[in-house]
Amino acid sequence: MTDEEMQQLVAGEYYGARVDYRRNFPDMPPITRVFERVDDRRLQLWMTDGPQEVSMMTGLARGHSGRVLVTGLGMGIVQQLLLERPGVTAVVTVEAHSDVSLLHADAAWFADPRHEVVLGDAREQLPRLVAGETFDGYLLDHWETVGDRLEEKVALLRLLDEAGQSDRSVSMWGFWWEVEQTASSDDPDTAALLAAVGRCARCGRILAIDGDPADAFAVVRGADGMCETCEQQTAWAVS
């Protein structure tokens, strides 16, 4: 868009820009960045399909199979990754902004019969969808779940537990980062979750539990409520 066109944007409108970094990074593909104008002066990055974003989405899509419910359409990265998985039979996406679908109108994956878009706010749609349909996995990636919104993710876990679906595969953007960064919360569900998270008695880092992947954010559990590193340092100090 030209500078003149961008000046005509008002708060709440969106625009996209193709960013070509190949002059400095020859192997990098063009990146799409979509911004929201939040007031007369500020633009806020809303979605992008850069390499870092794709890498993080790859981790979220890993391990899912069967019917998967996704909150947030965005650039469609995680939907494409899920549809490429041989075990995934259907992807249902909840999206609050109908115009986002226009970004993907001509894409083959978007028209895949295994993909369905449900328009509406995720917080309103999730209870109905969880209760009315059987999903094998859930992936939270809508805007409200990005950042310090741990309570909303805990609410999904509680919803699944009440629906008898606590055994489902669940991926949530930024979940363990938020657990690590959140020291306290007014929400009783969040407080209960944080109390149940094992932390090293010495350094405070989250301790890994059985089943965590080798590259998990948590640290290896040692003895006496400490991580393995602090346990070794304590042993060295004693000796």
Protein backbone atom coordinates (compact mmCIF):
# COMPACT_ATOMS: atom_id res chain seq x y z
CA MET A 1 0.00 0.00 0.00
CA THR A 2 1.09 3.57 -0.59
CA ASP A 3 1.63 6.01 2.26
CA GLU A 4 -1.50 7.86 1.15
CA GLU A 5 -3.60 4.70 1.28
CA MET A 6 -2.30 3.75 4.70
CA GLN A 7 -3.20 7.20 6.05
CA GLN A 8 -6.83 6.46 5.21
CA LEU A 9 -6.94 3.38 7.46
CA VAL A 10 -8.92 3.73 10.67
CA ALA A 11 -8.69 1.90 13.99
CA GLY A 12 -9.86 -1.68 13.69
CA GLU A 13 -8.93 -2.06 10.01
CA TYR A 14 -6.24 -4.39 8.78
CA TYR A 15 -3.72 -4.42 5.97
CA GLY A 16 -1.04 -6.81 4.78
CA ALA A 17 2.43 -6.28 3.39
CA ARG A 18 4.70 -8.63 1.48
CA VAL A 19 8.17 -8.31 2.97
CA ASP A 20 11.11 -9.48 0.84
CA TYR A 21 14.30 -10.03 2.85
CA ARG A 22 16.19 -11.82 0.09
CA ARG A 23 18.59 -8.94 -0.52
CA ASN A 24 20.17 -9.72 2.85
CA PHE A 25 19.01 -13.34 3.25
CA PRO A 26 19.00 -15.04 -0.19
CA ASP A 27 17.41 -18.26 1.07
CA MET A 28 14.51 -16.63 2.92
CA PRO A 29 11.11 -16.63 1.15
CA PRO A 30 8.92 -13.50 1.03
CA ILE A 31 7.07 -13.01 4.31
CA THR A 32 3.50 -11.78 4.71
CA ARG A 33 2.81 -9.52 7.69
CA VAL A 34 -0.71 -8.40 8.55
CA PHE A 35 -1.15 -5.36 10.79
CA GLU A 36 -4.06 -3.85 12.69
CA ARG A 37 -4.35 -0.09 13.15
CA VAL A 38 -5.23 0.25 16.84
CA ASP A 39 -5.42 4.07 16.92
CA ASP A 40 -4.35 7.12 14.91
CA ARG A 41 -0.66 6.52 15.58
CA ARG A 42 -0.05 2.84 16.30
CA LEU A 43 -0.02 -0.25 14.11
CA GLN A 44 0.03 -3.68 15.75
CA LEU A 45 1.38 -6.82 14.10
CA TRP A 46 -1.57 -9.20 13.92
CA MET A 47 -0.21 -12.21 12.03
CA THR A 48 2.79 -13.27 9.98
CA ASP A 49 4.19 -16.36 8.24
CA GLY A 50 7.89 -15.84 8.93
CA PRO A 51 10.30 -18.76 9.55
CA GLN A 52 10.15 -18.37 13.34
CA GLU A 53 6.35 -18.52 13.27
CA VAL A 54 6.36 -21.63 11.06
CA SER A 55 8.90 -23.30 13.34
CA MET A 56 6.78 -22.72 16.45
CA MET A 57 3.61 -23.89 14.68
CA THR A 58 5.39 -27.11 13.70
CA GLY A 59 5.78 -27.91 17.38
CA LEU A 60 2.11 -27.19 18.08
CA ALA A 61 0.93 -29.51 15.27
CA ARG A 62 3.15 -32.40 16.28
CA GLY A 63 1.42 -35.37 17.89
CA HIS A 64 -2.13 -34.70 16.67
CA SER A 65 -4.30 -37.18 14.80
CA GLY A 66 -7.98 -37.75 14.02
CA ARG A 67 -10.32 -34.75 14.29
CA VAL A 68 -8.58 -31.60 15.54
CA LEU A 69 -10.24 -28.36 16.67
CA VAL A 70 -8.16 -25.20 16.12
CA THR A 71 -8.98 -21.74 17.45
CA GLY A 72 -7.81 -19.02 15.08
CA LEU A 73 -7.26 -19.18 11.33
CA GLY A 74 -4.53 -16.58 10.93
CA MET A 75 -2.14 -17.34 8.09
CA GLY A 76 -3.31 -20.96 8.04
CA ILE A 77 0.12 -22.29 8.97
CA VAL A 78 -0.97 -24.76 11.61
CA GLN A 79 -3.95 -25.90 9.53
CA GLN A 80 -1.65 -26.80 6.64
CA LEU A 81 0.76 -28.60 8.97
CA LEU A 82 -2.10 -30.60 10.49
CA LEU A 83 -3.58 -31.53 7.10
CA GLU A 84 -0.18 -32.81 6.02
CA ARG A 85 -0.10 -35.26 8.93
CA PRO A 86 -1.23 -38.72 7.71
CA GLY A 87 -3.22 -39.42 10.87
CA VAL A 88 -5.31 -36.22 10.78
CA THR A 89 -8.77 -36.84 9.31
CA ALA A 90 -10.38 -33.41 9.85
CA VAL A 91 -9.46 -29.88 10.98
CA VAL A 92 -12.20 -27.59 12.30
CA THR A 93 -11.12 -23.95 12.70
CA VAL A 94 -12.95 -21.38 14.84
CA GLU A 95 -12.37 -17.85 13.50
CA ALA A 96 -13.92 -14.62 14.77
CA HIS A 97 -13.09 -12.46 11.73
CA SER A 98 -14.83 -13.55 8.52
CA ASP A 99 -12.50 -11.46 6.34
CA VAL A 100 -9.50 -13.60 7.34
CA SER A 101 -10.89 -16.37 5.10
CA LEU A 102 -10.32 -14.08 2.10
CA LEU A 103 -6.56 -14.50 2.60
CA HIS A 104 -6.92 -18.19 1.74
CA ALA A 105 -9.83 -18.24 -0.73
CA ASP A 106 -7.69 -19.59 -3.59
CA ALA A 107 -5.57 -21.99 -1.54
CA ALA A 108 -5.99 -25.72 -2.18
CA TRP A 109 -5.63 -26.62 1.53
CA PHE A 110 -8.40 -24.19 2.47
CA ALA A 111 -10.82 -25.94 0.08
CA ASP A 112 -9.75 -29.39 1.31
CA PRO A 113 -12.94 -31.28 2.28
CA ARG A 114 -11.23 -32.21 5.56
CA HIS A 115 -11.10 -28.52 6.57
CA GLU A 116 -14.07 -26.60 7.99
CA VAL A 117 -14.32 -23.01 9.28
CA VAL A 118 -16.75 -22.12 12.07
CA LEU A 119 -17.28 -18.36 12.40
CA GLY A 120 -17.55 -16.96 15.91
CA ASP A 121 -15.68 -16.03 19.07
CA ALA A 122 -13.65 -18.96 20.42
CA ARG A 123 -14.71 -18.37 24.02
CA GLU A 124 -18.36 -18.63 22.99
CA GLN A 125 -17.96 -21.48 20.49
CA LEU A 126 -15.68 -23.83 22.44
CA PRO A 127 -18.22 -25.00 25.07
CA ARG A 128 -20.74 -25.84 22.34
CA LEU A 129 -18.21 -27.59 20.10
CA VAL A 130 -16.63 -29.56 22.95
CA ALA A 131 -20.03 -30.74 24.16
CA GLY A 132 -21.57 -31.42 20.76
CA GLU A 133 -18.79 -33.10 18.79
CA THR A 134 -16.01 -35.58 19.40
CA PHE A 135 -12.53 -34.20 18.78
CA ASP A 136 -9.31 -36.13 19.20
CA GLY A 137 -7.25 -33.00 19.80
CA TYR A 138 -7.45 -29.28 20.53
CA LEU A 139 -5.06 -26.51 19.48
CA LEU A 140 -5.47 -22.99 20.92
CA ASP A 141 -3.91 -20.30 18.76
CA HIS A 142 -6.33 -17.36 18.67
CA TRP A 143 -5.11 -13.89 19.53
CA GLU A 144 -6.38 -13.79 23.12
CA THR A 145 -4.26 -16.83 24.01
CA VAL A 146 -1.03 -15.06 23.06
CA GLY A 147 0.74 -13.38 25.98
CA ASP A 148 -0.29 -13.34 29.62
CA ARG A 149 -3.62 -15.15 29.23
CA LEU A 150 -2.98 -18.33 31.16
CA GLU A 151 -6.47 -18.28 32.68
CA GLU A 152 -8.10 -18.84 29.30
CA LYS A 153 -6.01 -21.92 28.63
CA VAL A 154 -6.72 -23.32 32.07
CA ALA A 155 -10.43 -22.77 31.35
CA LEU A 156 -10.15 -25.05 28.31
CA LEU A 157 -8.47 -27.77 30.37
CA ARG A 158 -11.26 -27.53 32.94
CA LEU A 159 -13.89 -27.64 30.17
CA LEU A 160 -12.37 -30.81 28.72
CA ASP A 161 -12.20 -32.37 32.16
CA GLU A 162 -15.88 -31.65 32.79
CA ALA A 163 -16.75 -33.13 29.38
CA GLY A 164 -14.82 -36.32 30.11
CA GLN A 165 -12.19 -35.46 27.49
CA SER A 166 -9.13 -34.89 29.67
CA ASP A 167 -7.29 -37.60 27.72
CA ARG A 168 -7.32 -35.58 24.46
CA SER A 169 -4.18 -34.13 22.85
CA VAL A 170 -4.00 -30.41 23.65
CA SER A 171 -1.57 -27.83 22.25
CA MET A 172 -1.65 -24.23 23.50
CA TRP A 173 0.42 -21.35 22.21
CA GLY A 174 2.86 -20.11 24.87
CA PHE A 175 1.42 -22.31 27.63
CA TRP A 176 4.56 -23.37 29.48
CA TRP A 177 6.18 -19.99 28.95
CA GLU A 178 3.21 -18.44 30.73
CA VAL A 179 3.34 -20.98 33.55
CA GLU A 180 7.01 -20.14 34.05
CA GLN A 181 6.41 -16.38 33.98
CA THR A 182 3.18 -16.21 36.01
CA ALA A 183 3.98 -15.82 39.70
CA SER A 184 0.43 -15.31 40.90
CA SER A 185 -3.12 -15.06 39.61
CA ASP A 186 -6.55 -14.05 40.87
CA ASP A 187 -8.14 -16.95 39.01
CA PRO A 188 -8.54 -20.01 41.29
CA ASP A 189 -8.07 -22.46 38.39
CA THR A 190 -4.79 -20.84 37.44
CA ALA A 191 -3.63 -20.74 41.05
CA ALA A 192 -4.40 -24.45 41.42
CA LEU A 193 -2.48 -25.24 38.23
CA LEU A 194 0.55 -23.25 39.33
CA ALA A 195 0.50 -24.93 42.73
CA ALA A 196 0.58 -28.32 41.01
CA VAL A 197 3.57 -27.41 38.83
CA GLY A 198 6.74 -28.88 40.31
CA ARG A 199 9.51 -26.31 40.74
CA CYS A 200 13.09 -26.70 41.88
CA ALA A 201 13.28 -25.82 45.57
CA ARG A 202 16.56 -23.99 44.94
CA CYS A 203 16.35 -22.19 41.57
CA GLY A 204 12.58 -22.21 40.98
CA ARG A 205 12.70 -23.67 37.46
CA ILE A 206 9.86 -25.94 36.32
CA LEU A 207 10.75 -29.61 36.76
CA ALA A 208 10.14 -32.09 33.95
CA ILE A 209 7.54 -34.81 34.42
CA ASP A 210 7.35 -38.29 32.93
CA GLY A 211 6.50 -38.11 29.24
CA ASP A 212 7.99 -34.66 28.59
CA PRO A 213 9.92 -34.53 25.28
CA ALA A 214 13.70 -34.32 25.46
CA ASP A 215 13.67 -30.68 24.30
CA ALA A 216 10.94 -29.59 26.76
CA PHE A 217 11.23 -26.20 28.43
CA ALA A 218 11.30 -27.88 31.85
CA VAL A 219 14.54 -28.99 33.48
CA VAL A 220 15.48 -32.54 34.48
CA ARG A 221 14.17 -33.54 37.91
CA GLY A 222 16.70 -34.56 40.54
CA ALA A 223 16.13 -35.55 44.16
CA ASP A 224 14.81 -33.70 47.23
CA GLY A 225 12.59 -31.39 45.18
CA MET A 226 15.48 -29.93 43.19
CA CYS A 227 16.49 -29.99 39.55
CA GLU A 228 19.39 -32.19 38.54
CA THR A 229 21.78 -29.23 38.23
CA CYS A 230 21.03 -27.84 41.70
CA GLU A 231 21.24 -31.33 43.18
CA GLN A 232 24.74 -31.74 41.77
CA GLN A 233 25.80 -28.28 42.99
CA THR A 234 24.52 -29.08 46.47
CA ALA A 235 26.42 -32.38 46.46
CA TRP A 236 29.62 -30.62 45.39
CA ALA A 237 29.21 -28.02 48.14
CA VAL A 238 28.77 -30.73 50.78
CA SER A 239 31.76 -32.73 49.55
